[in-house]
Amino acid sequence: MGRPNVIVNEGRCVHRNKKIYMPGKSFEASEKEKERLILKGAVSALKNAAPGDDTDDDIIDAIKKVIENGDVTNDKKPKKEAIESILGRKVSAAERDAALEKINAGEGGE
């Protein structure tokens, strides 16, 4: 299986191959399927960076999406598994916490 290249948008779900993908979940789609789902507004495209090539902005964007989807721990931190699903690689708690500090300090865009 390749790298995830789409993520399900908030308020949508995608049924494919006998699986249901809920908002914030990512998966690999063919280019044709990707274009069709994007046109329907069901998914958004993900960058195809190689593992480890993520920038701080990529991690921050993933964290914002995870928070937006409510996929957080009891202490309101975004779940590592959800961030990893978006980025397609492992994320350490230290990476997550550093990016979260930037967001909370207003350094995370917007």
PDB file of N, CA and C in Angstrom:
ATOM      1  N   MET A   1       0.841  -1.171   0.000  1.00  0.00           N
ATOM      2  CA  MET A   1       0.000   0.000   0.000  1.00  0.00           C
ATOM      3  C   MET A   1       0.887   1.236   0.000  1.00  0.00           C
ATOM      4  N   GLY A   2       0.500   2.251  -0.758  1.00  0.00           N
ATOM      5  CA  GLY A   2       1.267   3.482  -0.852  1.00  0.00           C
ATOM      6  C   GLY A   2       0.928   4.452   0.260  1.00  0.00           C
ATOM      7  N   ARG A   3       1.407   5.649   0.071  1.00  0.00           N
ATOM      8  CA  ARG A   3       1.162   6.697   1.054  1.00  0.00           C
ATOM      9  C   ARG A   3      -0.236   7.281   0.878  1.00  0.00           C
ATOM     10  N   PRO A   4      -0.884   7.645   2.005  1.00  0.00           N
ATOM     11  CA  PRO A   4      -2.184   8.305   1.874  1.00  0.00           C
ATOM     12  C   PRO A   4      -2.043   9.583   1.049  1.00  0.00           C
ATOM     13  N   ASN A   5      -3.011   9.838   0.173  1.00  0.00           N
ATOM     14  CA  ASN A   5      -2.940  11.053  -0.642  1.00  0.00           C
ATOM     15  C   ASN A   5      -4.201  11.897  -0.549  1.00  0.00           C
ATOM     16  N   VAL A   6      -5.189  11.435   0.241  1.00  0.00           N
ATOM     17  CA  VAL A   6      -6.396  12.228   0.474  1.00  0.00           C
ATOM     18  C   VAL A   6      -6.805  12.101   1.938  1.00  0.00           C
ATOM     19  N   ILE A   7      -7.542  13.103   2.423  1.00  0.00           N
ATOM     20  CA  ILE A   7      -8.084  13.077   3.778  1.00  0.00           C
ATOM     21  C   ILE A   7      -9.560  13.439   3.692  1.00  0.00           C
ATOM     22  N   VAL A   8     -10.383  12.740   4.466  1.00  0.00           N
ATOM     23  CA  VAL A   8     -11.824  12.957   4.445  1.00  0.00           C
ATOM     24  C   VAL A   8     -12.150  14.286   5.133  1.00  0.00           C
ATOM     25  N   ASN A   9     -12.981  15.086   4.469  1.00  0.00           N
ATOM     26  CA  ASN A   9     -13.367  16.397   4.989  1.00  0.00           C
ATOM     27  C   ASN A   9     -14.368  16.284   6.131  1.00  0.00           C
ATOM     28  N   GLU A  10     -14.390  17.322   6.975  1.00  0.00           N
ATOM     29  CA  GLU A  10     -15.332  17.413   8.090  1.00  0.00           C
ATOM     30  C   GLU A  10     -16.768  17.307   7.565  1.00  0.00           C
ATOM     31  N   GLY A  11     -17.588  16.559   8.266  1.00  0.00           N
ATOM     32  CA  GLY A  11     -18.991  16.422   7.885  1.00  0.00           C
ATOM     33  C   GLY A  11     -19.239  15.437   6.753  1.00  0.00           C
ATOM     34  N   ARG A  12     -18.215  14.741   6.315  1.00  0.00           N
ATOM     35  CA  ARG A  12     -18.349  13.770   5.220  1.00  0.00           C
ATOM     36  C   ARG A  12     -17.799  12.422   5.680  1.00  0.00           C
ATOM     37  N   CYS A  13     -18.138  11.383   4.960  1.00  0.00           N
ATOM     38  CA  CYS A  13     -17.495  10.080   5.136  1.00  0.00           C
ATOM     39  C   CYS A  13     -17.401   9.442   3.759  1.00  0.00           C
ATOM     40  N   VAL A  14     -16.467   8.537   3.610  1.00  0.00           N
ATOM     41  CA  VAL A  14     -16.244   7.886   2.321  1.00  0.00           C
ATOM     42  C   VAL A  14     -16.356   6.383   2.524  1.00  0.00           C
ATOM     43  N   HIS A  15     -17.190   5.735   1.711  1.00  0.00           N
ATOM     44  CA  HIS A  15     -17.352   4.285   1.722  1.00  0.00           C
ATOM     45  C   HIS A  15     -16.576   3.738   0.532  1.00  0.00           C
ATOM     46  N   ARG A  16     -15.600   2.889   0.803  1.00  0.00           N
ATOM     47  CA  ARG A  16     -14.868   2.259  -0.294  1.00  0.00           C
ATOM     48  C   ARG A  16     -14.257   0.955   0.186  1.00  0.00           C
ATOM     49  N   ASN A  17     -14.253  -0.029  -0.693  1.00  0.00           N
ATOM     50  CA  ASN A  17     -13.667  -1.341  -0.397  1.00  0.00           C
ATOM     51  C   ASN A  17     -14.147  -1.910   0.939  1.00  0.00           C
ATOM     52  N   LYS A  18     -15.445  -1.810   1.196  1.00  0.00           N
ATOM     53  CA  LYS A  18     -16.062  -2.341   2.413  1.00  0.00           C
ATOM     54  C   LYS A  18     -15.543  -1.677   3.686  1.00  0.00           C
ATOM     55  N   LYS A  19     -14.965  -0.473   3.566  1.00  0.00           N
ATOM     56  CA  LYS A  19     -14.500   0.290   4.723  1.00  0.00           C
ATOM     57  C   LYS A  19     -15.169   1.650   4.705  1.00  0.00           C
ATOM     58  N   ILE A  20     -15.347   2.215   5.877  1.00  0.00           N
ATOM     59  CA  ILE A  20     -15.885   3.567   5.999  1.00  0.00           C
ATOM     60  C   ILE A  20     -14.779   4.445   6.568  1.00  0.00           C
ATOM     61  N   TYR A  21     -14.476   5.534   5.856  1.00  0.00           N
ATOM     62  CA  TYR A  21     -13.471   6.494   6.299  1.00  0.00           C
ATOM     63  C   TYR A  21     -14.196   7.725   6.827  1.00  0.00           C
ATOM     64  N   MET A  22     -13.973   8.034   8.084  1.00  0.00           N
ATOM     65  CA  MET A  22     -14.638   9.148   8.757  1.00  0.00           C
ATOM     66  C   MET A  22     -13.796  10.422   8.607  1.00  0.00           C
ATOM     67  N   PRO A  23     -14.358  11.595   8.960  1.00  0.00           N
ATOM     68  CA  PRO A  23     -13.615  12.855   8.839  1.00  0.00           C
ATOM     69  C   PRO A  23     -12.260  12.798   9.540  1.00  0.00           C
ATOM     70  N   GLY A  24     -11.255  13.318   8.846  1.00  0.00           N
ATOM     71  CA  GLY A  24      -9.902  13.347   9.397  1.00  0.00           C
ATOM     72  C   GLY A  24      -9.077  12.107   9.090  1.00  0.00           C
ATOM     73  N   LYS A  25      -9.701  11.069   8.544  1.00  0.00           N
ATOM     74  CA  LYS A  25      -8.957   9.853   8.196  1.00  0.00           C
ATOM     75  C   LYS A  25      -8.417   9.987   6.779  1.00  0.00           C
ATOM     76  N   SER A  26      -7.257   9.429   6.555  1.00  0.00           N
ATOM     77  CA  SER A  26      -6.644   9.524   5.231  1.00  0.00           C
ATOM     78  C   SER A  26      -6.481   8.133   4.631  1.00  0.00           C
ATOM     79  N   PHE A  27      -6.379   8.098   3.305  1.00  0.00           N
ATOM     80  CA  PHE A  27      -6.175   6.844   2.589  1.00  0.00           C
ATOM     81  C   PHE A  27      -5.591   7.137   1.218  1.00  0.00           C
ATOM     82  N   GLU A  28      -5.112   6.078   0.567  1.00  0.00           N
ATOM     83  CA  GLU A  28      -4.566   6.214  -0.779  1.00  0.00           C
ATOM     84  C   GLU A  28      -5.685   5.988  -1.789  1.00  0.00           C
ATOM     85  N   ALA A  29      -5.806   6.911  -2.739  1.00  0.00           N
ATOM     86  CA  ALA A  29      -6.802   6.795  -3.802  1.00  0.00           C
ATOM     87  C   ALA A  29      -6.097   6.930  -5.151  1.00  0.00           C
ATOM     88  N   SER A  30      -6.644   6.297  -6.173  1.00  0.00           N
ATOM     89  CA  SER A  30      -6.104   6.475  -7.521  1.00  0.00           C
ATOM     90  C   SER A  30      -6.323   7.934  -7.915  1.00  0.00           C
ATOM     91  N   GLU A  31      -5.604   8.406  -8.912  1.00  0.00           N
ATOM     92  CA  GLU A  31      -5.761   9.797  -9.351  1.00  0.00           C
ATOM     93  C   GLU A  31      -7.193  10.070  -9.795  1.00  0.00           C
ATOM     94  N   LYS A  32      -7.788   9.120 -10.497  1.00  0.00           N
ATOM     95  CA  LYS A  32      -9.165   9.281 -10.979  1.00  0.00           C
ATOM     96  C   LYS A  32     -10.139   9.372  -9.800  1.00  0.00           C
ATOM     97  N   GLU A  33     -10.000   8.462  -8.839  1.00  0.00           N
ATOM     98  CA  GLU A  33     -10.868   8.478  -7.666  1.00  0.00           C
ATOM     99  C   GLU A  33     -10.633   9.743  -6.838  1.00  0.00           C
ATOM    100  N   LYS A  34      -9.376  10.131  -6.694  1.00  0.00           N
ATOM    101  CA  LYS A  34      -9.030  11.342  -5.951  1.00  0.00           C
ATOM    102  C   LYS A  34      -9.722  12.562  -6.554  1.00  0.00           C
ATOM    103  N   GLU A  35      -9.634  12.725  -7.857  1.00  0.00           N
ATOM    104  CA  GLU A  35     -10.268  13.858  -8.537  1.00  0.00           C
ATOM    105  C   GLU A  35     -11.778  13.841  -8.337  1.00  0.00           C
ATOM    106  N   ARG A  36     -12.386  12.656  -8.459  1.00  0.00           N
ATOM    107  CA  ARG A  36     -13.840  12.526  -8.297  1.00  0.00           C
ATOM    108  C   ARG A  36     -14.271  12.904  -6.886  1.00  0.00           C
ATOM    109  N   LEU A  37     -13.549  12.417  -5.877  1.00  0.00           N
ATOM    110  CA  LEU A  37     -13.912  12.695  -4.485  1.00  0.00           C
ATOM    111  C   LEU A  37     -13.676  14.164  -4.120  1.00  0.00           C
ATOM    112  N   ILE A  38     -12.631  14.759  -4.673  1.00  0.00           N
ATOM    113  CA  ILE A  38     -12.369  16.182  -4.430  1.00  0.00           C
ATOM    114  C   ILE A  38     -13.497  17.020  -5.035  1.00  0.00           C
ATOM    115  N   LEU A  39     -13.918  16.688  -6.258  1.00  0.00           N
ATOM    116  CA  LEU A  39     -15.011  17.423  -6.899  1.00  0.00           C
ATOM    117  C   LEU A  39     -16.307  17.321  -6.103  1.00  0.00           C
ATOM    118  N   LYS A  40     -16.542  16.185  -5.458  1.00  0.00           N
ATOM    119  CA  LYS A  40     -17.738  15.997  -4.634  1.00  0.00           C
ATOM    120  C   LYS A  40     -17.619  16.725  -3.293  1.00  0.00           C
ATOM    121  N   GLY A  41     -16.410  17.168  -2.941  1.00  0.00           N
ATOM    122  CA  GLY A  41     -16.191  17.834  -1.657  1.00  0.00           C
ATOM    123  C   GLY A  41     -16.022  16.870  -0.501  1.00  0.00           C
ATOM    124  N   ALA A  42     -15.829  15.585  -0.809  1.00  0.00           N
ATOM    125  CA  ALA A  42     -15.708  14.578   0.236  1.00  0.00           C
ATOM    126  C   ALA A  42     -14.309  14.527   0.851  1.00  0.00           C
ATOM    127  N   VAL A  43     -13.292  14.851   0.052  1.00  0.00           N
ATOM    128  CA  VAL A  43     -11.913  14.756   0.540  1.00  0.00           C
ATOM    129  C   VAL A  43     -11.114  15.975   0.102  1.00  0.00           C
ATOM    130  N   SER A  44      -9.955  16.118   0.728  1.00  0.00           N
ATOM    131  CA  SER A  44      -8.962  17.113   0.322  1.00  0.00           C
ATOM    132  C   SER A  44      -7.682  16.362   0.009  1.00  0.00           C
ATOM    133  N   ALA A  45      -6.879  16.918  -0.884  1.00  0.00           N
ATOM    134  CA  ALA A  45      -5.614  16.286  -1.256  1.00  0.00           C
ATOM    135  C   ALA A  45      -4.584  16.502  -0.164  1.00  0.00           C
ATOM    136  N   LEU A  46      -3.721  15.510   0.022  1.00  0.00           N
ATOM    137  CA  LEU A  46      -2.582  15.625   0.933  1.00  0.00           C
ATOM    138  C   LEU A  46      -1.317  15.801   0.112  1.00  0.00           C
ATOM    139  N   LYS A  47      -0.334  16.472   0.687  1.00  0.00           N
ATOM    140  CA  LYS A  47       0.970  16.586   0.029  1.00  0.00           C
ATOM    141  C   LYS A  47       1.606  15.209  -0.017  1.00  0.00           C
ATOM    142  N   ASN A  48       2.412  14.972  -1.008  1.00  0.00           N
ATOM    143  CA  ASN A  48       3.080  13.673  -1.149  1.00  0.00           C
ATOM    144  C   ASN A  48       4.545  13.749  -0.753  1.00  0.00           C
ATOM    145  N   ALA A  49       4.821  14.339   0.390  1.00  0.00           N
ATOM    146  CA  ALA A  49       6.201  14.401   0.883  1.00  0.00           C
ATOM    147  C   ALA A  49       6.624  13.020   1.375  1.00  0.00           C
ATOM    148  N   ALA A  50       7.896  12.752   1.261  1.00  0.00           N
ATOM    149  CA  ALA A  50       8.426  11.491   1.773  1.00  0.00           C
ATOM    150  C   ALA A  50       8.442  11.545   3.292  1.00  0.00           C
ATOM    151  N   PRO A  51       8.372  10.397   3.961  1.00  0.00           N
ATOM    152  CA  PRO A  51       8.421  10.394   5.419  1.00  0.00           C
ATOM    153  C   PRO A  51       9.653  11.150   5.912  1.00  0.00           C
ATOM    154  N   GLY A  52       9.449  12.010   6.897  1.00  0.00           N
ATOM    155  CA  GLY A  52      10.554  12.789   7.441  1.00  0.00           C
ATOM    156  C   GLY A  52      10.774  14.107   6.722  1.00  0.00           C
ATOM    157  N   ASP A  53      10.101  14.324   5.583  1.00  0.00           N
ATOM    158  CA  ASP A  53      10.260  15.574   4.834  1.00  0.00           C
ATOM    159  C   ASP A  53       9.247  16.636   5.244  1.00  0.00           C
ATOM    160  N   ASP A  54       8.444  16.330   6.245  1.00  0.00           N
ATOM    161  CA  ASP A  54       7.428  17.280   6.673  1.00  0.00           C
ATOM    162  C   ASP A  54       8.087  18.531   7.239  1.00  0.00           C
ATOM    163  N   THR A  55       7.494  19.656   6.967  1.00  0.00           N
ATOM    164  CA  THR A  55       7.946  20.895   7.573  1.00  0.00           C
ATOM    165  C   THR A  55       7.130  21.122   8.835  1.00  0.00           C
ATOM    166  N   ASP A  56       7.539  22.102   9.639  1.00  0.00           N
ATOM    167  CA  ASP A  56       6.739  22.457  10.812  1.00  0.00           C
ATOM    168  C   ASP A  56       5.321  22.798  10.384  1.00  0.00           C
ATOM    169  N   ASP A  57       5.197  23.487   9.244  1.00  0.00           N
ATOM    170  CA  ASP A  57       3.872  23.870   8.764  1.00  0.00           C
ATOM    171  C   ASP A  57       3.015  22.652   8.459  1.00  0.00           C
ATOM    172  N   ASP A  58       3.602  21.578   7.914  1.00  0.00           N
ATOM    173  CA  ASP A  58       2.848  20.359   7.626  1.00  0.00           C
ATOM    174  C   ASP A  58       2.301  19.748   8.912  1.00  0.00           C
ATOM    175  N   ILE A  59       3.140  19.699   9.938  1.00  0.00           N
ATOM    176  CA  ILE A  59       2.717  19.128  11.223  1.00  0.00           C
ATOM    177  C   ILE A  59       1.655  20.024  11.856  1.00  0.00           C
ATOM    178  N   ILE A  60       1.856  21.333  11.799  1.00  0.00           N
ATOM    179  CA  ILE A  60       0.880  22.275  12.351  1.00  0.00           C
ATOM    180  C   ILE A  60      -0.456  22.146  11.630  1.00  0.00           C
ATOM    181  N   ASP A  61      -0.427  22.065  10.296  1.00  0.00           N
ATOM    182  CA  ASP A  61      -1.664  21.902   9.525  1.00  0.00           C
ATOM    183  C   ASP A  61      -2.383  20.611   9.908  1.00  0.00           C
ATOM    184  N   ALA A  62      -1.618  19.536  10.071  1.00  0.00           N
ATOM    185  CA  ALA A  62      -2.211  18.250  10.458  1.00  0.00           C
ATOM    186  C   ALA A  62      -2.843  18.353  11.845  1.00  0.00           C
ATOM    187  N   ILE A  63      -2.152  19.005  12.771  1.00  0.00           N
ATOM    188  CA  ILE A  63      -2.676  19.160  14.134  1.00  0.00           C
ATOM    189  C   ILE A  63      -3.963  19.974  14.117  1.00  0.00           C
ATOM    190  N   LYS A  64      -3.990  21.047  13.334  1.00  0.00           N
ATOM    191  CA  LYS A  64      -5.203  21.864  13.255  1.00  0.00           C
ATOM    192  C   LYS A  64      -6.376  21.044  12.738  1.00  0.00           C
ATOM    193  N   LYS A  65      -6.127  20.196  11.742  1.00  0.00           N
ATOM    194  CA  LYS A  65      -7.181  19.351  11.179  1.00  0.00           C
ATOM    195  C   LYS A  65      -7.675  18.346  12.233  1.00  0.00           C
ATOM    196  N   VAL A  66      -6.745  17.776  12.989  1.00  0.00           N
ATOM    197  CA  VAL A  66      -7.101  16.806  14.023  1.00  0.00           C
ATOM    198  C   VAL A  66      -7.948  17.479  15.113  1.00  0.00           C
ATOM    199  N   ILE A  67      -7.540  18.664  15.532  1.00  0.00           N
ATOM    200  CA  ILE A  67      -8.294  19.396  16.552  1.00  0.00           C
ATOM    201  C   ILE A  67      -9.683  19.750  16.023  1.00  0.00           C
ATOM    202  N   GLU A  68      -9.729  20.211  14.783  1.00  0.00           N
ATOM    203  CA  GLU A  68     -11.002  20.566  14.142  1.00  0.00           C
ATOM    204  C   GLU A  68     -11.965  19.379  14.134  1.00  0.00           C
ATOM    205  N   ASN A  69     -11.406  18.180  13.961  1.00  0.00           N
ATOM    206  CA  ASN A  69     -12.221  16.960  13.924  1.00  0.00           C
ATOM    207  C   ASN A  69     -12.519  16.420  15.322  1.00  0.00           C
ATOM    208  N   GLY A  70     -11.973  17.067  16.369  1.00  0.00           N
ATOM    209  CA  GLY A  70     -12.240  16.641  17.744  1.00  0.00           C
ATOM    210  C   GLY A  70     -11.519  15.379  18.153  1.00  0.00           C
ATOM    211  N   ASP A  71     -10.472  15.015  17.427  1.00  0.00           N
ATOM    212  CA  ASP A  71      -9.725  13.791  17.722  1.00  0.00           C
ATOM    213  C   ASP A  71      -8.607  14.123  18.714  1.00  0.00           C
ATOM    214  N   VAL A  72      -8.999  14.389  19.974  1.00  0.00           N
ATOM    215  CA  VAL A  72      -8.055  14.830  21.001  1.00  0.00           C
ATOM    216  C   VAL A  72      -8.101  13.912  22.215  1.00  0.00           C
ATOM    217  N   THR A  73      -7.042  13.992  23.013  1.00  0.00           N
ATOM    218  CA  THR A  73      -6.966  13.204  24.240  1.00  0.00           C
ATOM    219  C   THR A  73      -7.785  13.881  25.335  1.00  0.00           C
ATOM    220  N   ASN A  74      -7.866  13.252  26.493  1.00  0.00           N
ATOM    221  CA  ASN A  74      -8.605  13.832  27.621  1.00  0.00           C
ATOM    222  C   ASN A  74      -8.030  15.181  28.050  1.00  0.00           C
ATOM    223  N   ASP A  75      -6.720  15.374  27.867  1.00  0.00           N
ATOM    224  CA  ASP A  75      -6.115  16.666  28.236  1.00  0.00           C
ATOM    225  C   ASP A  75      -6.052  17.628  27.047  1.00  0.00           C
ATOM    226  N   LYS A  76      -6.896  17.359  26.040  1.00  0.00           N
ATOM    227  CA  LYS A  76      -7.108  18.251  24.884  1.00  0.00           C
ATOM    228  C   LYS A  76      -5.918  18.353  23.928  1.00  0.00           C
ATOM    229  N   LYS A  77      -5.017  17.382  23.973  1.00  0.00           N
ATOM    230  CA  LYS A  77      -3.922  17.345  22.996  1.00  0.00           C
ATOM    231  C   LYS A  77      -4.381  16.511  21.801  1.00  0.00           C
ATOM    232  N   PRO A  78      -3.986  16.902  20.583  1.00  0.00           N
ATOM    233  CA  PRO A  78      -4.364  16.100  19.412  1.00  0.00           C
ATOM    234  C   PRO A  78      -3.740  14.705  19.502  1.00  0.00           C
ATOM    235  N   LYS A  79      -4.517  13.708  19.129  1.00  0.00           N
ATOM    236  CA  LYS A  79      -4.028  12.327  19.207  1.00  0.00           C
ATOM    237  C   LYS A  79      -2.930  12.102  18.167  1.00  0.00           C
ATOM    238  N   LYS A  80      -1.827  11.493  18.630  1.00  0.00           N
ATOM    239  CA  LYS A  80      -0.690  11.217  17.747  1.00  0.00           C
ATOM    240  C   LYS A  80      -1.109  10.351  16.567  1.00  0.00           C
ATOM    241  N   GLU A  81      -1.965   9.361  16.819  1.00  0.00           N
ATOM    242  CA  GLU A  81      -2.382   8.444  15.757  1.00  0.00           C
ATOM    243  C   GLU A  81      -3.099   9.189  14.638  1.00  0.00           C
ATOM    244  N   ALA A  82      -3.907  10.188  14.994  1.00  0.00           N
ATOM    245  CA  ALA A  82      -4.631  10.958  13.989  1.00  0.00           C
ATOM    246  C   ALA A  82      -3.668  11.829  13.178  1.00  0.00           C
ATOM    247  N   ILE A  83      -2.677  12.416  13.841  1.00  0.00           N
ATOM    248  CA  ILE A  83      -1.657  13.216  13.142  1.00  0.00           C
ATOM    249  C   ILE A  83      -0.875  12.315  12.198  1.00  0.00           C
ATOM    250  N   GLU A  84      -0.505  11.133  12.691  1.00  0.00           N
ATOM    251  CA  GLU A  84       0.256  10.179  11.886  1.00  0.00           C
ATOM    252  C   GLU A  84      -0.535   9.722  10.665  1.00  0.00           C
ATOM    253  N   SER A  85      -1.836   9.565  10.828  1.00  0.00           N
ATOM    254  CA  SER A  85      -2.685   9.159   9.707  1.00  0.00           C
ATOM    255  C   SER A  85      -2.657  10.206   8.598  1.00  0.00           C
ATOM    256  N   ILE A  86      -2.647  11.466   8.972  1.00  0.00           N
ATOM    257  CA  ILE A  86      -2.618  12.543   7.987  1.00  0.00           C
ATOM    258  C   ILE A  86      -1.252  12.638   7.320  1.00  0.00           C
ATOM    259  N   LEU A  87      -0.196  12.578   8.126  1.00  0.00           N
ATOM    260  CA  LEU A  87       1.154  12.751   7.587  1.00  0.00           C
ATOM    261  C   LEU A  87       1.704  11.491   6.928  1.00  0.00           C
ATOM    262  N   GLY A  88       1.166  10.340   7.287  1.00  0.00           N
ATOM    263  CA  GLY A  88       1.659   9.090   6.726  1.00  0.00           C
ATOM    264  C   GLY A  88       2.992   8.655   7.304  1.00  0.00           C
ATOM    265  N   ARG A  89       3.260   9.082   8.535  1.00  0.00           N
ATOM    266  CA  ARG A  89       4.499   8.686   9.223  1.00  0.00           C
ATOM    267  C   ARG A  89       4.295   8.798  10.718  1.00  0.00           C
ATOM    268  N   LYS A  90       5.220   8.227  11.479  1.00  0.00           N
ATOM    269  CA  LYS A  90       5.179   8.322  12.933  1.00  0.00           C
ATOM    270  C   LYS A  90       5.498   9.742  13.369  1.00  0.00           C
ATOM    271  N   VAL A  91       4.869  10.180  14.450  1.00  0.00           N
ATOM    272  CA  VAL A  91       5.113  11.504  15.034  1.00  0.00           C
ATOM    273  C   VAL A  91       5.381  11.294  16.512  1.00  0.00           C
ATOM    274  N   SER A  92       6.456  11.882  17.005  1.00  0.00           N
ATOM    275  CA  SER A  92       6.768  11.754  18.423  1.00  0.00           C
ATOM    276  C   SER A  92       5.907  12.721  19.227  1.00  0.00           C
ATOM    277  N   ALA A  93       5.746  12.416  20.500  1.00  0.00           N
ATOM    278  CA  ALA A  93       5.002  13.322  21.382  1.00  0.00           C
ATOM    279  C   ALA A  93       5.714  14.671  21.442  1.00  0.00           C
ATOM    280  N   ALA A  94       7.038  14.657  21.391  1.00  0.00           N
ATOM    281  CA  ALA A  94       7.802  15.911  21.438  1.00  0.00           C
ATOM    282  C   ALA A  94       7.522  16.767  20.200  1.00  0.00           C
ATOM    283  N   GLU A  95       7.446  16.132  19.015  1.00  0.00           N
ATOM    284  CA  GLU A  95       7.123  16.871  17.784  1.00  0.00           C
ATOM    285  C   GLU A  95       5.729  17.484  17.880  1.00  0.00           C
ATOM    286  N   ARG A  96       4.790  16.662  18.347  1.00  0.00           N
ATOM    287  CA  ARG A  96       3.415  17.145  18.486  1.00  0.00           C
ATOM    288  C   ARG A  96       3.351  18.316  19.459  1.00  0.00           C
ATOM    289  N   ASP A  97       3.994  18.156  20.611  1.00  0.00           N
ATOM    290  CA  ASP A  97       3.933  19.189  21.638  1.00  0.00           C
ATOM    291  C   ASP A  97       4.605  20.483  21.186  1.00  0.00           C
ATOM    292  N   ALA A  98       5.723  20.375  20.456  1.00  0.00           N
ATOM    293  CA  ALA A  98       6.416  21.570  19.957  1.00  0.00           C
ATOM    294  C   ALA A  98       5.541  22.320  18.954  1.00  0.00           C
ATOM    295  N   ALA A  99       4.896  21.580  18.055  1.00  0.00           N
ATOM    296  CA  ALA A  99       4.016  22.210  17.071  1.00  0.00           C
ATOM    297  C   ALA A  99       2.788  22.808  17.753  1.00  0.00           C
ATOM    298  N   LEU A 100       2.269  22.121  18.753  1.00  0.00           N
ATOM    299  CA  LEU A 100       1.111  22.618  19.488  1.00  0.00           C
ATOM    300  C   LEU A 100       1.446  23.908  20.228  1.00  0.00           C
ATOM    301  N   GLU A 101       2.655  23.991  20.771  1.00  0.00           N
ATOM    302  CA  GLU A 101       3.100  25.229  21.441  1.00  0.00           C
ATOM    303  C   GLU A 101       3.119  26.390  20.449  1.00  0.00           C
ATOM    304  N   LYS A 102       3.582  26.136  19.224  1.00  0.00           N
ATOM    305  CA  LYS A 102       3.591  27.187  18.206  1.00  0.00           C
ATOM    306  C   LYS A 102       2.184  27.642  17.872  1.00  0.00           C
ATOM    307  N   ILE A 103       1.268  26.704  17.761  1.00  0.00           N
ATOM    308  CA  ILE A 103      -0.122  27.052  17.474  1.00  0.00           C
ATOM    309  C   ILE A 103      -0.679  27.916  18.607  1.00  0.00           C
ATOM    310  N   ASN A 104      -0.453  27.477  19.855  1.00  0.00           N
ATOM    311  CA  ASN A 104      -0.985  28.197  21.003  1.00  0.00           C
ATOM    312  C   ASN A 104      -0.347  29.576  21.166  1.00  0.00           C
ATOM    313  N   ALA A 105       0.887  29.732  20.663  1.00  0.00           N
ATOM    314  CA  ALA A 105       1.587  31.016  20.746  1.00  0.00           C
ATOM    315  C   ALA A 105       1.228  31.925  19.553  1.00  0.00           C
ATOM    316  N   GLY A 106       0.382  31.398  18.656  1.00  0.00           N
ATOM    317  CA  GLY A 106      -0.030  32.193  17.508  1.00  0.00           C
ATOM    318  C   GLY A 106       0.944  32.168  16.364  1.00  0.00           C
ATOM    319  N   GLU A 107       1.894  31.228  16.386  1.00  0.00           N
ATOM    320  CA  GLU A 107       2.899  31.135  15.329  1.00  0.00           C
ATOM    321  C   GLU A 107       2.507  30.145  14.249  1.00  0.00           C
ATOM    322  N   GLY A 108       1.381  29.491  14.395  1.00  0.00           N
ATOM    323  CA  GLY A 108       0.980  28.442  13.467  1.00  0.00           C
ATOM    324  C   GLY A 108       0.102  28.914  12.342  1.00  0.00           C
ATOM    325  N   GLY A 109       0.441  30.002  11.696  1.00  0.00           N
ATOM    326  CA  GLY A 109      -0.346  30.504  10.561  1.00  0.00           C
ATOM    327  C   GLY A 109      -1.630  31.147  11.007  1.00  0.00           C
ATOM    328  N   GLU A 110      -2.447  31.533  10.009  1.00  0.00           N
ATOM    329  CA  GLU A 110      -3.731  32.217  10.210  1.00  0.00           C
ATOM    330  C   GLU A 110      -3.551  33.335  11.172  1.00  0.00           C
TER     331      GLU A 110
END
